[in-house]
């Protein structure tokens, strides 16, 4: 249940449009709803300003559908990440057959149930950079998460250190950013470069992209954690969602 729905419910009780007992029944289910195999956290939107997110990895298509349906029942827009690309279209088709608004984004492997929020700029513009095209799934996961948090984002992809002139072509855009999310695999050098060139907070996202010695993203992770540039914060390997959510929270107009 999102804050707007809760206010509407309380207003209905106040105005006499809803019996108290009916409101009590709805509020009893506010913290979570048990589905047997999962406890859907319907209270998270009220606590954090962002609904619970379904991690699709390791779940069956039936489980993903059920949790999305339950979380969206109160009117919130909800998302599932790391959805198997082969399963995504079928999940969306079944939800749409029930008259629900659902969209599948195959590149970031995300399903969204409900309408996208209206976007604003928050405290300032947000930018997501990727070092290479192969980092696109993680970069798009971060960018779409920012948009689902109600904030606008600019995407700049394939501007890694193998050709720094590509990055410098976007100097003016990056200098105006409130927060920059930098996604990189291989040796993971791009966040240090961005933080060294621009006085902007950088959220670094290592990806598992790379050859043998990159060790599935650990080389990039260690590089980012060892950065000598100031203002670099690092999330886990391939955690585009975490980076996008952090950027949106830092950029909220009501943030302390």
Protein backbone atom coordinates (compact mmCIF):
# COMPACT_ATOMS: atom_id res chain seq x y z
CA UNK A 1 0.00 0.00 0.00
CA UNK A 2 1.46 3.35 -1.01
CA UNK A 3 1.05 6.57 1.04
CA UNK A 4 -1.59 7.98 -1.33
CA UNK A 5 -3.76 4.86 -1.00
CA UNK A 6 -3.43 4.96 2.79
CA UNK A 7 -4.48 8.62 2.92
CA UNK A 8 -7.45 7.84 0.66
CA UNK A 9 -8.51 4.97 2.92
CA UNK A 10 -8.34 7.12 6.05
CA UNK A 11 -10.20 9.93 4.30
CA UNK A 12 -12.95 7.48 3.28
CA UNK A 13 -13.36 6.47 6.92
CA UNK A 14 -13.33 10.10 8.06
CA UNK A 15 -15.97 11.07 5.50
CA UNK A 16 -18.13 8.05 6.28
CA UNK A 17 -17.68 6.44 2.87
CA UNK A 18 -16.04 3.32 4.34
CA UNK A 19 -17.10 1.41 7.46
CA UNK A 20 -14.46 1.21 10.16
CA UNK A 21 -14.48 -2.60 10.12
CA UNK A 22 -13.71 -2.67 6.40
CA UNK A 23 -10.79 -0.32 6.93
CA UNK A 24 -9.54 -2.50 9.79
CA UNK A 25 -9.58 -5.54 7.49
CA UNK A 26 -7.42 -3.70 4.96
CA UNK A 27 -5.02 -2.39 7.59
CA UNK A 28 -4.57 -5.87 9.07
CA UNK A 29 -2.84 -6.83 5.82
CA UNK A 30 -0.69 -3.71 5.74
CA UNK A 31 2.65 -5.12 7.04
CA UNK A 32 2.76 -8.20 4.80
CA UNK A 33 0.67 -10.89 3.14
CA UNK A 34 1.56 -14.56 3.33
CA UNK A 35 1.54 -16.50 0.06
CA UNK A 36 2.80 -19.70 1.62
CA UNK A 37 6.10 -19.65 -0.26
CA UNK A 38 6.71 -15.92 0.42
CA UNK A 39 5.72 -13.04 2.69
CA UNK A 40 4.95 -10.07 0.42
CA UNK A 41 6.09 -6.91 2.21
CA UNK A 42 3.24 -4.51 1.47
CA UNK A 43 4.51 -2.03 4.07
CA UNK A 44 7.88 -1.27 2.45
CA UNK A 45 6.60 1.61 0.31
CA UNK A 46 5.42 3.40 3.47
CA UNK A 47 8.78 2.86 5.19
CA UNK A 48 11.19 3.59 2.36
CA UNK A 49 9.23 5.32 -0.41
CA UNK A 50 9.87 2.40 -2.80
CA UNK A 51 7.81 -0.81 -3.01
CA UNK A 52 9.29 -4.22 -2.30
CA UNK A 53 11.20 -5.51 -5.31
CA UNK A 54 10.90 -9.11 -6.46
CA UNK A 55 14.23 -10.81 -7.16
CA UNK A 56 13.26 -13.06 -10.07
CA UNK A 57 16.45 -15.08 -9.93
CA UNK A 58 15.77 -18.49 -8.38
CA UNK A 59 11.98 -18.08 -8.51
CA UNK A 60 9.55 -19.82 -10.83
CA UNK A 61 7.42 -17.82 -13.25
CA UNK A 62 4.35 -18.70 -11.16
CA UNK A 63 5.97 -17.37 -7.99
CA UNK A 64 7.05 -14.12 -9.68
CA UNK A 65 3.52 -13.57 -11.02
CA UNK A 66 1.90 -14.22 -7.64
CA UNK A 67 4.19 -11.85 -5.73
CA UNK A 68 3.86 -9.08 -8.31
CA UNK A 69 0.08 -9.45 -8.31
CA UNK A 70 -0.06 -9.30 -4.50
CA UNK A 71 2.28 -6.31 -4.17
CA UNK A 72 0.43 -4.40 -6.89
CA UNK A 73 -3.00 -5.06 -5.41
CA UNK A 74 -2.95 -1.82 -3.40
CA UNK A 75 -2.17 0.31 -6.45
CA UNK A 76 1.62 0.48 -6.13
CA UNK A 77 3.87 0.13 -9.15
CA UNK A 78 6.15 -2.84 -8.48
CA UNK A 79 9.06 -4.48 -10.27
CA UNK A 80 10.79 -7.82 -10.59
CA UNK A 81 14.51 -7.91 -11.37
CA UNK A 82 16.70 -10.67 -12.85
CA UNK A 83 13.79 -12.30 -14.63
CA UNK A 84 14.77 -15.09 -17.01
CA UNK A 85 14.44 -13.53 -20.51
CA UNK A 86 12.68 -16.68 -21.71
CA UNK A 87 10.07 -16.46 -18.94
CA UNK A 88 9.47 -12.70 -19.04
CA UNK A 89 7.11 -12.46 -22.03
CA UNK A 90 4.89 -15.26 -20.69
CA UNK A 91 4.62 -13.67 -17.24
CA UNK A 92 3.66 -10.33 -18.76
CA UNK A 93 1.14 -11.90 -21.14
CA UNK A 94 -0.65 -13.66 -18.28
CA UNK A 95 -0.76 -10.49 -16.17
CA UNK A 96 -2.06 -8.50 -19.15
CA UNK A 97 -4.76 -11.13 -19.74
CA UNK A 98 -6.13 -10.17 -16.31
CA UNK A 99 -6.37 -6.54 -17.40
CA UNK A 100 -3.21 -5.51 -15.54
CA UNK A 101 -0.64 -3.08 -16.91
CA UNK A 102 2.64 -4.99 -17.20
CA UNK A 103 5.80 -4.41 -19.25
CA UNK A 104 8.88 -6.57 -19.80
CA UNK A 105 12.28 -4.94 -20.46
CA UNK A 106 14.49 -7.75 -21.80
CA UNK A 107 17.87 -5.95 -21.60
CA UNK A 108 17.80 -5.22 -17.84
CA UNK A 109 15.66 -8.36 -17.30
CA UNK A 110 12.96 -6.38 -15.47
CA UNK A 111 9.18 -6.66 -15.33
CA UNK A 112 7.14 -3.68 -14.13
CA UNK A 113 3.55 -4.04 -12.99
CA UNK A 114 1.64 -0.76 -12.89
CA UNK A 115 2.09 2.69 -14.38
CA UNK A 116 5.46 4.40 -14.50
CA UNK A 117 5.52 7.43 -12.17
CA UNK A 118 5.79 10.98 -13.42
CA UNK A 119 9.43 11.99 -13.50
CA UNK A 120 11.04 14.98 -11.86
CA UNK A 121 14.65 16.05 -11.53
CA UNK A 122 14.93 15.70 -7.78
CA UNK A 123 17.73 17.89 -6.46
CA UNK A 124 19.49 17.70 -9.81
CA UNK A 125 20.08 15.59 -12.93
CA UNK A 126 21.15 11.95 -12.58
CA UNK A 127 23.46 10.28 -15.09
CA UNK A 128 24.21 6.59 -15.67
CA UNK A 129 27.46 5.85 -17.50
CA UNK A 130 28.61 2.47 -18.78
CA UNK A 131 32.16 1.59 -19.76
CA UNK A 132 31.07 -0.79 -22.53
CA UNK A 133 28.04 -2.03 -24.40
CA UNK A 134 28.41 -5.38 -22.63
CA UNK A 135 27.66 -3.56 -19.34
CA UNK A 136 24.28 -2.44 -20.68
CA UNK A 137 22.06 -4.91 -18.76
CA UNK A 138 23.39 -3.67 -15.40
CA UNK A 139 23.42 -0.02 -16.49
CA UNK A 140 19.82 -0.25 -17.71
CA UNK A 141 18.80 -1.92 -14.45
CA UNK A 142 20.19 1.10 -12.60
CA UNK A 143 18.56 3.63 -14.95
CA UNK A 144 15.14 1.97 -14.90
CA UNK A 145 15.26 1.74 -11.10
CA UNK A 146 15.87 5.49 -10.94
CA UNK A 147 12.86 6.11 -13.19
CA UNK A 148 10.67 3.82 -11.09
CA UNK A 149 11.68 5.95 -8.10
CA UNK A 150 10.14 8.92 -9.94
CA UNK A 151 13.31 10.63 -11.10
CA UNK A 152 14.68 11.45 -14.52
CA UNK A 153 18.00 10.01 -15.69
CA UNK A 154 20.30 10.46 -18.67
CA UNK A 155 21.99 7.38 -20.11
CA UNK A 156 25.50 7.55 -21.61
CA UNK A 157 26.81 4.18 -22.71
CA UNK A 158 30.12 2.81 -24.05
CA UNK A 159 32.49 5.55 -22.82
CA UNK A 160 35.16 3.41 -21.14
CA UNK A 161 38.84 4.06 -20.58
CA UNK A 162 39.89 2.37 -23.84
CA UNK A 163 38.82 5.62 -25.52
CA UNK A 164 38.58 8.47 -23.00
CA UNK A 165 37.76 11.02 -25.70
CA UNK A 166 34.27 9.46 -25.72
CA UNK A 167 33.80 10.30 -22.04
CA UNK A 168 35.13 13.83 -22.41
CA UNK A 169 32.56 14.51 -25.12
CA UNK A 170 29.98 14.47 -22.29
CA UNK A 171 31.94 16.71 -19.90
CA UNK A 172 29.24 19.40 -19.66
CA UNK A 173 26.50 16.84 -18.95
CA UNK A 174 28.50 15.09 -16.22
CA UNK A 175 29.56 18.36 -14.57
CA UNK A 176 25.88 19.25 -14.07
CA UNK A 177 24.91 15.88 -12.59
CA UNK A 178 23.89 15.59 -8.95
CA UNK A 179 25.02 11.95 -8.79
CA UNK A 180 26.76 9.78 -11.41
CA UNK A 181 26.31 6.01 -11.52
CA UNK A 182 29.29 4.43 -13.29
CA UNK A 183 29.00 0.83 -14.47
CA UNK A 184 32.15 -1.00 -15.57
CA UNK A 185 33.53 -4.51 -15.96
CA UNK A 186 36.98 -5.72 -17.08
CA UNK A 187 39.50 -3.82 -14.88
CA UNK A 188 36.81 -1.41 -13.58
CA UNK A 189 38.81 1.82 -13.98
CA UNK A 190 36.07 4.14 -15.22
CA UNK A 191 34.65 5.22 -11.80
CA UNK A 192 38.11 6.40 -10.68
CA UNK A 193 38.52 8.37 -13.89
CA UNK A 194 35.11 10.02 -13.54
CA UNK A 195 35.67 10.87 -9.86
CA UNK A 196 39.12 12.24 -10.68
CA UNK A 197 37.84 14.50 -13.45
CA UNK A 198 34.53 15.71 -12.03
CA UNK A 199 33.55 16.97 -8.57
CA UNK A 200 30.54 14.72 -8.44
CA UNK A 201 29.52 11.82 -6.15
CA UNK A 202 30.13 8.55 -8.00
CA UNK A 203 28.31 5.29 -7.33
CA UNK A 204 30.50 2.59 -8.83
CA UNK A 205 28.99 -0.66 -10.08
CA UNK A 206 31.39 -3.50 -10.97
CA UNK A 207 30.04 -5.97 -13.52
CA UNK A 208 30.93 -9.59 -14.18
CA UNK A 209 31.91 -8.71 -17.77
CA UNK A 210 35.48 -9.66 -18.68
CA UNK A 211 38.00 -12.36 -19.49
CA UNK A 212 39.56 -14.95 -17.15
CA UNK A 213 41.60 -12.77 -14.79
CA UNK A 214 38.64 -10.47 -14.25
CA UNK A 215 37.30 -13.32 -12.08
CA UNK A 216 33.62 -12.71 -12.70
CA UNK A 217 33.74 -9.07 -11.62
CA UNK A 218 36.07 -9.34 -8.61
CA UNK A 219 38.90 -7.53 -10.41
CA UNK A 220 36.58 -4.59 -11.13
CA UNK A 221 35.22 -4.69 -7.57
CA UNK A 222 38.71 -4.60 -6.02
CA UNK A 223 39.78 -1.78 -8.34
CA UNK A 224 36.77 0.32 -7.36
CA UNK A 225 37.20 -0.39 -3.65
CA UNK A 226 40.88 0.55 -3.95
CA UNK A 227 40.22 3.78 -5.86
CA UNK A 228 42.48 6.72 -4.98
CA UNK A 229 39.83 9.16 -6.24
CA UNK A 230 37.57 10.72 -3.60
CA UNK A 231 33.79 10.51 -3.65
CA UNK A 232 33.49 6.93 -4.92
CA UNK A 233 30.98 4.58 -3.27
CA UNK A 234 30.87 0.96 -4.44
CA UNK A 235 27.96 -1.49 -4.62
CA UNK A 236 28.13 -5.23 -5.22
CA UNK A 237 28.94 -6.94 -8.51
CA UNK A 238 26.15 -6.47 -11.10
CA UNK A 239 23.97 -4.63 -8.54
CA UNK A 240 22.42 -2.08 -10.88
CA UNK A 241 19.26 -2.00 -8.79
CA UNK A 242 21.14 -1.09 -5.61
CA UNK A 243 23.06 1.67 -7.38
CA UNK A 244 19.93 3.14 -8.96
CA UNK A 245 18.03 3.07 -5.71
CA UNK A 246 20.88 4.76 -3.81
CA UNK A 247 21.22 7.48 -6.46
CA UNK A 248 17.48 8.19 -6.34
CA UNK A 249 17.45 8.31 -2.52
CA UNK A 250 20.40 10.73 -2.40
CA UNK A 251 18.75 12.92 -5.01
CA UNK A 252 15.31 13.16 -3.40
CA UNK A 253 14.20 16.73 -2.72
CA UNK A 254 13.12 15.76 0.80
CA UNK A 255 16.43 14.00 1.56
CA UNK A 256 18.23 15.36 4.67
